[in-house]
Structure formats: structure tokens, C-alpha cells
Amino acid sequence: GGVELIRKKEQKPAYCLTTSLLTTSEGKKMGKTEKGALWLDPNKTSVYDFYQYWRNIDDADVEKCLRLLTFIPMDEIRSLCAEGGAALNNAKKVLAYTLTAQVHGEEEAGKASQAAEALFGGGGDLSNIPTIALTPADIEATGLKVTDLLVMGKLSKSKSDARRLIEAGSVLIGDEKVTDVYATVNEGDLSEGVVIKKGKKGFVRVVKA
């Protein structure tokens, strides 16, 4: 297995620690997102999406995840989770930041936190949210249609899925709801970046390459 592979490659002993399967309070396996599996590789799950996964976990799962997945002292965890409401919301921020820092480093965790604050709190740096940079060829190929950009930004699986999202009223550009399935983005706005939103948790920033 993996331990033997490490021993052969590194010529050093390796050890393995196993735990029970990590499940939610409802008994479901953790680690699934709207975009698929939650990966440690930032090329498969962006740092922002990784942060947001932990930021949005169910209230009932916060303390367990802090206990099992972080090195925060138990007394501090109990204090963080002792109250509900705003206090528990802060515990989620601590969980998201801590796990992101453990996997991707403090700098990337800070960027993800700033991006979330920019989107949900009205401050921070929008440049840190998931971004697609369109080349002239991309602009010509897509015609800057919102449906195409939703697919490119991995907010929808296909153009037909993107149309369904628009028809359901789930897509916004900035704070304005998109109602036309043939809607396009203004090319002039790409210099500053256009934020396309899907529901409450899906975001992508579109800029010119």
C-alpha cells in the first residue's frame, strides 16, 4: 500500500494513521461539493472553493471538524462552539481558515478569506475569487454569452443546464438577476472584471487575459 510505496521511494520508514470515515451529522460522507469531490490539489478544487466548503458546513458538524481536523486546543474549540448564532459563524470562519492554511498555506488562506469577505461582506479584494481570463479567441468563440461563461467558469455542466439556471432565476451579474437566456456580458466591463453568481455560493470573476 501507500506506506510500502513511501518506504521504497524515500528509503525511510513510514507510518499510517487511520480514522473512521468522516461523515456529516446526517450520516452522509463528507467531501462532496456542487462541483464534485473536494480535492487537496488546487488545480482540481480551487483554494477559494476549498475554503468555502468548510465555511458552509452544517452548524452541527463544526465542532466535530475542529476536533478531528485541526490542532486547535480542545478548550479553545469548546469555547468557540459553546454558543450558536454569530459565535458559531465565527467558529466556521476559524475552521475554514485553519484547514485552508494547513493545506495551502497562510497566504492562500488569507486570500480566500478576503475573497469571501469581498463577496459576502462588501469589502476585501475581489481579485482572489475564482477567475477566468478570456483571450480574444475566447471572446469571439463565446460571444460573451452568459450561458457560455457559466460553463467556462464551471458553474454549470452544460449550456442547457446554464439556461435552466437562468430560467430559474439563479444567475446574477453583480447584483442584477439575469432573466434572458441569450444575455451577454459587456466586453468593456471585463477590464474591471465581471462577477457572475450562481445562487448563494457559486461565483466566478470574468476578466480579459
Protein backbone atom coordinates (compact mmCIF):
# COMPACT_ATOMS: atom_id res chain seq x y z
CA GLY A 1 0.00 0.00 0.00
CA GLY A 2 0.95 3.63 0.45
CA VAL A 3 3.25 3.01 3.42
CA GLU A 4 5.28 0.48 1.42
CA LEU A 5 5.49 2.84 -1.56
CA ILE A 6 6.85 5.63 0.65
CA ARG A 7 9.39 3.26 2.21
CA LYS A 8 10.66 2.20 -1.21
CA LYS A 9 10.78 5.72 -2.64
CA GLU A 10 12.24 7.51 0.38
CA GLN A 11 14.21 4.61 1.88
CA LYS A 12 12.79 5.61 5.27
CA PRO A 13 10.12 4.07 7.48
CA ALA A 14 6.60 5.47 7.13
CA TYR A 15 3.58 5.17 9.37
CA CYS A 16 -0.13 5.35 8.72
CA LEU A 17 -2.86 6.68 10.98
CA THR A 18 -6.39 5.62 10.14
CA THR A 19 -9.66 7.06 11.41
CA SER A 20 -13.31 6.31 10.94
CA LEU A 21 -14.98 7.71 7.81
CA LEU A 22 -15.72 11.42 8.20
CA THR A 23 -19.47 11.89 7.96
CA THR A 24 -21.93 14.72 8.45
CA SER A 25 -24.46 14.88 11.29
CA GLU A 26 -26.89 13.24 8.85
CA GLY A 27 -24.56 10.29 8.31
CA LYS A 28 -23.51 11.30 4.80
CA LYS A 29 -19.90 11.09 3.63
CA MET A 30 -18.11 14.44 3.76
CA GLY A 31 -16.05 15.80 0.89
CA LYS A 32 -18.58 16.42 -1.87
CA THR A 33 -19.22 19.83 -3.40
CA GLU A 34 -21.52 21.12 -6.13
CA LYS A 35 -18.56 20.75 -8.50
CA GLY A 36 -17.69 17.22 -7.41
CA ALA A 37 -15.15 15.82 -4.96
CA LEU A 38 -13.21 18.08 -2.59
CA TRP A 39 -9.56 17.80 -3.64
CA LEU A 40 -6.40 18.95 -1.86
CA ASP A 41 -4.89 19.74 -5.28
CA PRO A 42 -5.69 23.42 -6.08
CA ASN A 43 -5.84 22.52 -9.77
CA LYS A 44 -8.84 20.30 -9.04
CA THR A 45 -10.50 22.28 -6.24
CA SER A 46 -9.57 25.95 -6.12
CA VAL A 47 -8.30 27.33 -2.81
CA TYR A 48 -11.40 29.54 -2.63
CA ASP A 49 -13.77 26.60 -3.18
CA PHE A 50 -11.86 24.59 -0.57
CA TYR A 51 -12.24 27.44 1.93
CA GLN A 52 -15.92 27.89 1.12
CA TYR A 53 -16.65 24.19 1.56
CA TRP A 54 -15.61 24.36 5.21
CA ARG A 55 -17.10 27.82 5.67
CA ASN A 56 -20.53 26.49 4.68
CA ILE A 57 -20.68 23.20 6.55
CA ASP A 58 -23.72 22.49 8.69
CA ASP A 59 -23.76 24.00 12.18
CA ALA A 60 -23.97 20.52 13.71
CA ASP A 61 -20.65 19.49 12.11
CA VAL A 62 -18.46 22.45 13.08
CA GLU A 63 -17.20 21.24 16.45
CA LYS A 64 -16.50 17.70 15.21
CA CYS A 65 -14.45 19.00 12.29
CA LEU A 66 -12.48 21.37 14.51
CA ARG A 67 -11.71 18.47 16.86
CA LEU A 68 -10.76 15.93 14.19
CA LEU A 69 -9.08 18.05 11.53
CA THR A 70 -7.24 20.87 13.31
CA PHE A 71 -4.61 21.22 16.04
CA ILE A 72 -6.55 23.90 17.90
CA PRO A 73 -6.58 23.18 21.68
CA MET A 74 -9.77 21.47 22.87
CA ASP A 75 -10.56 24.20 25.40
CA GLU A 76 -10.46 26.78 22.62
CA ILE A 77 -12.69 24.62 20.40
CA ARG A 78 -15.24 24.21 23.20
CA SER A 79 -15.21 27.97 23.73
CA LEU A 80 -15.66 28.65 20.01
CA CYS A 81 -18.63 26.30 19.76
CA ALA A 82 -20.28 26.98 23.13
CA GLU A 83 -22.80 29.41 21.69
CA GLY A 84 -24.81 29.50 18.50
CA GLY A 85 -25.56 32.38 16.16
CA ALA A 86 -22.71 34.78 15.44
CA ALA A 87 -20.31 32.84 17.68
CA LEU A 88 -20.81 29.63 15.71
CA ASN A 89 -20.48 31.58 12.48
CA ASN A 90 -17.08 32.75 13.70
CA ALA A 91 -16.17 29.14 14.50
CA LYS A 92 -16.87 28.26 10.86
CA LYS A 93 -14.52 31.03 9.74
CA VAL A 94 -11.84 29.67 12.06
CA LEU A 95 -12.36 26.15 10.71
CA ALA A 96 -12.25 27.27 7.08
CA TYR A 97 -9.16 29.45 7.55
CA THR A 98 -7.29 26.87 9.64
CA LEU A 99 -7.86 23.96 7.27
CA THR A 100 -7.06 26.08 4.22
CA ALA A 101 -3.85 27.27 5.87
CA GLN A 102 -2.89 23.68 6.78
CA VAL A 103 -3.35 22.51 3.19
CA HIS A 104 -2.44 25.56 1.09
CA GLY A 105 -0.50 27.86 3.43
CA GLU A 106 -1.28 31.04 5.36
CA GLU A 107 -1.02 33.34 2.35
CA GLU A 108 -3.54 31.43 0.26
CA ALA A 109 -5.87 31.06 3.24
CA GLY A 110 -5.75 34.82 3.72
CA LYS A 111 -6.61 35.41 0.07
CA ALA A 112 -9.57 33.02 0.26
CA SER A 113 -10.82 34.73 3.40
CA GLN A 114 -10.52 38.16 1.76
CA ALA A 115 -12.37 36.90 -1.31
CA ALA A 116 -15.24 35.61 0.83
CA GLU A 117 -15.38 38.93 2.67
CA ALA A 118 -15.45 40.80 -0.63
CA LEU A 119 -18.41 38.76 -1.86
CA PHE A 120 -20.44 38.46 1.32
CA GLY A 121 -19.32 41.35 3.48
CA GLY A 122 -18.91 44.12 0.94
CA GLY A 123 -15.18 44.57 1.50
CA GLY A 124 -11.91 42.89 0.58
CA ASP A 125 -10.20 42.00 -2.67
CA LEU A 126 -12.34 40.53 -5.46
CA SER A 127 -9.24 39.51 -7.40
CA ASN A 128 -8.89 36.49 -5.12
CA ILE A 129 -12.14 34.78 -6.11
CA PRO A 130 -12.10 32.09 -8.84
CA THR A 131 -11.33 33.87 -12.11
CA ILE A 132 -11.38 33.03 -15.81
CA ALA A 133 -9.28 35.17 -18.14
CA LEU A 134 -10.71 35.36 -21.65
CA THR A 135 -8.40 35.54 -24.64
CA PRO A 136 -9.56 37.31 -27.82
CA ALA A 137 -10.30 33.84 -29.23
CA ASP A 138 -12.44 33.03 -26.17
CA ILE A 139 -14.37 36.27 -26.57
CA GLU A 140 -15.03 35.54 -30.23
CA ALA A 141 -15.99 31.91 -29.61
CA THR A 142 -18.39 32.61 -26.73
CA GLY A 143 -19.78 35.92 -27.92
CA LEU A 144 -19.62 36.68 -24.18
CA LYS A 145 -22.91 34.84 -23.72
CA VAL A 146 -23.66 34.27 -20.06
CA THR A 147 -24.53 30.63 -20.73
CA ASP A 148 -21.07 30.00 -22.21
CA LEU A 149 -19.35 31.82 -19.35
CA LEU A 150 -21.25 29.77 -16.77
CA VAL A 151 -19.88 26.62 -18.38
CA MET A 152 -16.34 28.01 -18.66
CA GLY A 153 -16.48 29.06 -15.02
CA LYS A 154 -17.65 25.56 -14.01
CA LEU A 155 -20.85 26.96 -12.54
CA SER A 156 -22.91 24.75 -14.84
CA LYS A 157 -22.28 21.43 -16.52
CA SER A 158 -23.61 22.41 -19.95
CA LYS A 159 -25.25 25.23 -21.86
CA SER A 160 -28.66 23.63 -21.41
CA ASP A 161 -28.02 23.46 -17.67
CA ALA A 162 -26.96 27.13 -17.76
CA ARG A 163 -30.21 28.06 -19.49
CA ARG A 164 -32.19 26.23 -16.82
CA LEU A 165 -30.34 28.13 -14.11
CA ILE A 166 -31.18 31.45 -15.77
CA GLU A 167 -34.82 30.49 -16.23
CA ALA A 168 -34.96 29.55 -12.55
CA GLY A 169 -33.67 33.00 -11.57
CA SER A 170 -30.47 31.60 -10.06
CA VAL A 171 -27.94 33.68 -12.04
CA LEU A 172 -26.81 37.23 -11.31
CA ILE A 173 -24.25 39.56 -12.85
CA GLY A 174 -23.11 41.68 -9.96
CA ASP A 175 -26.36 42.22 -8.08
CA GLU A 176 -28.65 42.12 -11.13
CA LYS A 177 -30.60 38.98 -11.92
CA VAL A 178 -30.17 37.59 -15.44
CA THR A 179 -33.56 36.79 -16.98
CA ASP A 180 -32.65 36.38 -20.66
CA VAL A 181 -31.03 33.06 -21.64
CA TYR A 182 -29.36 34.91 -24.54
CA ALA A 183 -27.88 37.63 -22.29
CA THR A 184 -24.29 38.69 -22.89
CA VAL A 185 -21.62 40.47 -20.88
CA ASN A 186 -20.37 43.89 -21.95
CA GLU A 187 -16.78 43.50 -23.18
CA GLY A 188 -15.87 46.91 -21.82
CA ASP A 189 -16.67 45.74 -18.29
CA LEU A 190 -14.08 42.97 -18.44
CA SER A 191 -11.22 45.35 -17.73
CA GLU A 192 -12.50 45.73 -14.17
CA GLY A 193 -13.84 42.19 -14.01
CA VAL A 194 -17.43 40.93 -14.11
CA VAL A 195 -18.67 38.74 -11.28
CA ILE A 196 -21.20 36.09 -12.29
CA LYS A 197 -23.09 34.47 -9.42
CA LYS A 198 -24.99 31.20 -9.26
CA GLY A 199 -27.24 31.03 -6.25
CA LYS A 200 -25.68 32.00 -2.93
CA LYS A 201 -22.46 30.02 -3.13
CA GLY A 202 -21.28 29.88 -6.76
CA PHE A 203 -19.11 32.71 -8.09
CA VAL A 204 -16.68 33.37 -10.90
CA ARG A 205 -14.93 36.56 -11.96
CA VAL A 206 -14.51 37.10 -15.71
CA VAL A 207 -11.67 39.29 -17.00
CA LYS A 208 -9.69 39.85 -20.18
CA ALA A 209 -6.48 37.86 -20.44
